Amino acid sequence: MMKLYDLSNSPCAARLRIQIRLKNLPVAMDEPPFALCSSEFLEAFPPGKLPLLLLDDDSTIAESTVIMDYSRGDVSRARSSAYCCDRLCS
């Protein structure tokens, strides 16, 4: 199952949570397990930013608009972003 890491007070992540719930997408939602900007956080979340979507193959997508494109199935648009995961960009 995919997992969305975000902060509950983030307006960018709020639109993702709304889209996930409205579409009943199989995405778990959680806050990051490490303090923001800590070495553990940067190691676990290489882009160093939230929200971040962890895909089933452990690759990631950062940037809320790109995550929204991906969750809508618009993979070609998500590929064009500098924040997409390696799997999509290849």
N, C-alpha and C. Protein backbone atom coordinates (compact mmCIF):
# COMPACT_ATOMS: atom_id res chain seq x y z
N MET A 1 0.84 -1.18 0.00
CA MET A 1 0.00 0.00 0.00
C MET A 1 0.89 1.24 0.00
N MET A 2 0.50 2.23 -0.78
CA MET A 2 1.24 3.49 -0.81
C MET A 2 1.03 4.22 0.52
N LYS A 3 1.98 5.11 0.84
CA LYS A 3 1.88 5.86 2.08
C LYS A 3 2.21 7.33 1.83
N LEU A 4 1.36 8.20 2.31
CA LEU A 4 1.57 9.64 2.20
C LEU A 4 2.11 10.15 3.52
N TYR A 5 3.29 10.73 3.48
CA TYR A 5 3.85 11.38 4.66
C TYR A 5 3.58 12.87 4.53
N ASP A 6 2.97 13.43 5.56
CA ASP A 6 2.66 14.85 5.54
C ASP A 6 2.51 15.36 6.96
N LEU A 7 2.25 16.64 7.07
CA LEU A 7 1.98 17.25 8.37
C LEU A 7 0.52 17.69 8.37
N SER A 8 -0.16 17.46 9.46
CA SER A 8 -1.60 17.72 9.51
C SER A 8 -1.95 19.19 9.31
N ASN A 9 -1.02 20.10 9.55
CA ASN A 9 -1.32 21.53 9.38
C ASN A 9 -0.87 22.08 8.02
N SER A 10 -0.50 21.21 7.11
CA SER A 10 -0.02 21.64 5.80
C SER A 10 -1.18 21.84 4.82
N PRO A 11 -1.35 23.05 4.28
CA PRO A 11 -2.42 23.26 3.30
C PRO A 11 -2.17 22.50 2.00
N CYS A 12 -0.90 22.32 1.64
CA CYS A 12 -0.60 21.56 0.42
C CYS A 12 -1.00 20.11 0.58
N ALA A 13 -0.74 19.55 1.74
CA ALA A 13 -1.10 18.16 1.99
C ALA A 13 -2.60 18.00 2.18
N ALA A 14 -3.28 19.04 2.62
CA ALA A 14 -4.73 18.95 2.84
C ALA A 14 -5.45 18.60 1.54
N ARG A 15 -5.05 19.21 0.44
CA ARG A 15 -5.73 18.90 -0.83
C ARG A 15 -5.46 17.46 -1.25
N LEU A 16 -4.29 16.93 -0.89
CA LEU A 16 -4.01 15.52 -1.18
C LEU A 16 -4.89 14.60 -0.34
N ARG A 17 -5.00 14.92 0.95
CA ARG A 17 -5.84 14.09 1.83
C ARG A 17 -7.29 14.10 1.35
N ILE A 18 -7.76 15.26 0.88
CA ILE A 18 -9.13 15.35 0.36
C ILE A 18 -9.28 14.46 -0.88
N GLN A 19 -8.33 14.57 -1.81
CA GLN A 19 -8.41 13.77 -3.03
C GLN A 19 -8.35 12.28 -2.71
N ILE A 20 -7.47 11.88 -1.81
CA ILE A 20 -7.33 10.47 -1.44
C ILE A 20 -8.64 9.95 -0.84
N ARG A 21 -9.25 10.73 0.03
CA ARG A 21 -10.49 10.28 0.66
C ARG A 21 -11.67 10.27 -0.31
N LEU A 22 -11.77 11.29 -1.16
CA LEU A 22 -12.87 11.35 -2.13
C LEU A 22 -12.82 10.20 -3.13
N LYS A 23 -11.61 9.81 -3.52
CA LYS A 23 -11.46 8.75 -4.51
C LYS A 23 -11.27 7.38 -3.87
N ASN A 24 -11.29 7.33 -2.54
CA ASN A 24 -11.08 6.06 -1.83
C ASN A 24 -9.82 5.35 -2.31
N LEU A 25 -8.73 6.11 -2.45
CA LEU A 25 -7.48 5.54 -2.91
C LEU A 25 -6.81 4.74 -1.79
N PRO A 26 -6.13 3.65 -2.13
CA PRO A 26 -5.47 2.83 -1.13
C PRO A 26 -4.14 3.45 -0.69
N VAL A 27 -4.24 4.52 0.08
CA VAL A 27 -3.06 5.25 0.55
C VAL A 27 -3.18 5.44 2.05
N ALA A 28 -2.17 4.96 2.78
CA ALA A 28 -2.11 5.22 4.22
C ALA A 28 -1.52 6.61 4.41
N MET A 29 -1.93 7.30 5.46
CA MET A 29 -1.43 8.65 5.72
C MET A 29 -0.81 8.71 7.11
N ASP A 30 0.36 9.34 7.20
CA ASP A 30 1.07 9.40 8.47
C ASP A 30 2.02 10.59 8.47
N GLU A 31 2.39 11.01 9.67
CA GLU A 31 3.43 12.03 9.80
C GLU A 31 4.78 11.33 9.73
N PRO A 32 5.84 12.05 9.34
CA PRO A 32 7.14 11.41 9.25
C PRO A 32 7.61 10.93 10.63
N PRO A 33 8.32 9.81 10.68
CA PRO A 33 8.76 9.27 11.96
C PRO A 33 9.99 9.96 12.54
N PHE A 34 10.51 10.96 11.84
CA PHE A 34 11.71 11.66 12.29
C PHE A 34 11.45 13.16 12.34
N ALA A 35 12.23 13.86 13.14
CA ALA A 35 12.13 15.32 13.20
C ALA A 35 12.52 15.91 11.84
N LEU A 36 11.78 16.93 11.42
CA LEU A 36 12.06 17.57 10.15
C LEU A 36 13.49 18.09 10.12
N CYS A 37 14.14 17.93 8.98
CA CYS A 37 15.50 18.40 8.72
C CYS A 37 16.57 17.68 9.53
N SER A 38 16.21 16.65 10.29
CA SER A 38 17.22 15.86 10.99
C SER A 38 17.93 14.99 9.96
N SER A 39 19.09 14.45 10.32
CA SER A 39 19.82 13.59 9.39
C SER A 39 19.00 12.34 9.06
N GLU A 40 18.25 11.83 10.05
CA GLU A 40 17.40 10.66 9.81
C GLU A 40 16.29 10.99 8.80
N PHE A 41 15.70 12.19 8.96
CA PHE A 41 14.65 12.62 8.04
C PHE A 41 15.21 12.73 6.63
N LEU A 42 16.35 13.39 6.47
CA LEU A 42 16.93 13.59 5.14
C LEU A 42 17.38 12.28 4.51
N GLU A 43 17.77 11.31 5.33
CA GLU A 43 18.13 10.01 4.81
C GLU A 43 16.89 9.24 4.34
N ALA A 44 15.83 9.31 5.12
CA ALA A 44 14.60 8.60 4.79
C ALA A 44 13.80 9.30 3.69
N PHE A 45 13.89 10.62 3.62
CA PHE A 45 13.15 11.43 2.66
C PHE A 45 14.13 12.28 1.86
N PRO A 46 14.82 11.68 0.88
CA PRO A 46 15.89 12.38 0.15
C PRO A 46 15.53 13.74 -0.41
N PRO A 47 14.30 13.98 -0.90
CA PRO A 47 14.02 15.34 -1.38
C PRO A 47 14.04 16.37 -0.26
N GLY A 48 13.91 15.91 1.00
CA GLY A 48 13.94 16.83 2.13
C GLY A 48 12.71 17.69 2.26
N LYS A 49 11.59 17.22 1.70
CA LYS A 49 10.37 18.03 1.77
C LYS A 49 9.15 17.13 1.91
N LEU A 50 8.09 17.73 2.39
CA LEU A 50 6.80 17.07 2.53
C LEU A 50 5.77 17.91 1.79
N PRO A 51 4.68 17.34 1.34
CA PRO A 51 4.30 15.94 1.42
C PRO A 51 5.16 15.08 0.51
N LEU A 52 5.21 13.79 0.85
CA LEU A 52 5.96 12.83 0.08
C LEU A 52 5.15 11.54 0.00
N LEU A 53 5.00 11.01 -1.20
CA LEU A 53 4.26 9.78 -1.41
C LEU A 53 5.26 8.65 -1.60
N LEU A 54 5.17 7.64 -0.73
CA LEU A 54 6.00 6.45 -0.84
C LEU A 54 5.20 5.41 -1.62
N LEU A 55 5.74 5.02 -2.77
CA LEU A 55 5.04 4.06 -3.63
C LEU A 55 5.33 2.63 -3.18
N ASP A 56 4.60 1.70 -3.76
CA ASP A 56 4.73 0.29 -3.38
C ASP A 56 6.14 -0.26 -3.60
N ASP A 57 6.86 0.30 -4.56
CA ASP A 57 8.22 -0.19 -4.85
C ASP A 57 9.29 0.59 -4.08
N ASP A 58 8.87 1.36 -3.08
CA ASP A 58 9.75 2.17 -2.21
C ASP A 58 10.34 3.40 -2.90
N SER A 59 9.93 3.71 -4.12
CA SER A 59 10.33 4.98 -4.72
C SER A 59 9.38 6.05 -4.20
N THR A 60 9.73 7.30 -4.41
CA THR A 60 8.97 8.39 -3.82
C THR A 60 8.61 9.46 -4.85
N ILE A 61 7.56 10.20 -4.53
CA ILE A 61 7.18 11.38 -5.29
C ILE A 61 6.98 12.49 -4.27
N ALA A 62 7.63 13.61 -4.49
CA ALA A 62 7.46 14.79 -3.65
C ALA A 62 6.74 15.85 -4.47
N GLU A 63 6.22 16.84 -3.81
CA GLU A 63 5.50 17.97 -4.41
C GLU A 63 4.03 17.60 -4.59
N SER A 64 3.18 18.33 -3.92
CA SER A 64 1.75 17.99 -3.87
C SER A 64 1.09 17.96 -5.25
N THR A 65 1.44 18.87 -6.14
CA THR A 65 0.80 18.88 -7.46
C THR A 65 1.18 17.65 -8.27
N VAL A 66 2.41 17.18 -8.13
CA VAL A 66 2.86 15.99 -8.84
C VAL A 66 2.18 14.75 -8.27
N ILE A 67 2.05 14.70 -6.95
CA ILE A 67 1.35 13.58 -6.31
C ILE A 67 -0.11 13.55 -6.78
N MET A 68 -0.73 14.73 -6.89
CA MET A 68 -2.12 14.78 -7.38
C MET A 68 -2.20 14.26 -8.82
N ASP A 69 -1.27 14.67 -9.68
CA ASP A 69 -1.25 14.17 -11.06
C ASP A 69 -1.11 12.65 -11.06
N TYR A 70 -0.19 12.13 -10.28
CA TYR A 70 0.04 10.69 -10.23
C TYR A 70 -1.21 9.95 -9.73
N SER A 71 -1.83 10.47 -8.68
CA SER A 71 -3.00 9.78 -8.11
C SER A 71 -4.20 9.84 -9.05
N ARG A 72 -4.23 10.82 -9.95
CA ARG A 72 -5.30 10.89 -10.96
C ARG A 72 -4.98 10.01 -12.16
N GLY A 73 -3.79 9.42 -12.18
CA GLY A 73 -3.40 8.57 -13.30
C GLY A 73 -2.71 9.33 -14.42
N ASP A 74 -2.38 10.59 -14.20
CA ASP A 74 -1.72 11.41 -15.21
C ASP A 74 -0.20 11.24 -15.07
N VAL A 75 0.29 10.05 -15.41
CA VAL A 75 1.69 9.72 -15.23
C VAL A 75 2.58 10.54 -16.16
N SER A 76 2.12 10.85 -17.38
CA SER A 76 2.95 11.63 -18.30
C SER A 76 3.23 13.02 -17.75
N ARG A 77 2.24 13.62 -17.12
CA ARG A 77 2.46 14.94 -16.52
C ARG A 77 3.36 14.83 -15.29
N ALA A 78 3.18 13.78 -14.50
CA ALA A 78 4.04 13.58 -13.33
C ALA A 78 5.48 13.36 -13.75
N ARG A 79 5.70 12.68 -14.89
CA ARG A 79 7.06 12.43 -15.37
C ARG A 79 7.81 13.71 -15.68
N SER A 80 7.10 14.74 -16.09
CA SER A 80 7.75 15.97 -16.51
C SER A 80 8.24 16.82 -15.33
N SER A 81 7.93 16.42 -14.12
CA SER A 81 8.31 17.19 -12.95
C SER A 81 9.70 16.82 -12.45
N ALA A 82 10.40 17.81 -11.93
CA ALA A 82 11.71 17.58 -11.34
C ALA A 82 11.61 16.84 -10.02
N TYR A 83 10.41 16.72 -9.46
CA TYR A 83 10.24 16.10 -8.15
C TYR A 83 9.70 14.68 -8.22
N CYS A 84 9.64 14.11 -9.42
CA CYS A 84 9.07 12.76 -9.50
C CYS A 84 10.11 11.72 -9.14
N CYS A 85 9.61 10.56 -8.86
CA CYS A 85 10.50 9.48 -8.45
C CYS A 85 11.26 8.91 -9.65
N ASP A 86 12.34 8.20 -9.38
CA ASP A 86 13.17 7.63 -10.44
C ASP A 86 12.38 6.69 -11.33
N ARG A 87 11.50 5.89 -10.76
CA ARG A 87 10.74 4.92 -11.54
C ARG A 87 9.90 5.62 -12.62
N LEU A 88 9.29 6.74 -12.26
CA LEU A 88 8.48 7.46 -13.23
C LEU A 88 9.32 8.19 -14.27
N CYS A 89 10.48 8.67 -13.87
CA CYS A 89 11.31 9.49 -14.77
C CYS A 89 12.11 8.66 -15.75
N SER A 90 12.22 7.38 -15.52
CA SER A 90 13.05 6.57 -16.41
C SER A 90 12.36 6.26 -17.72
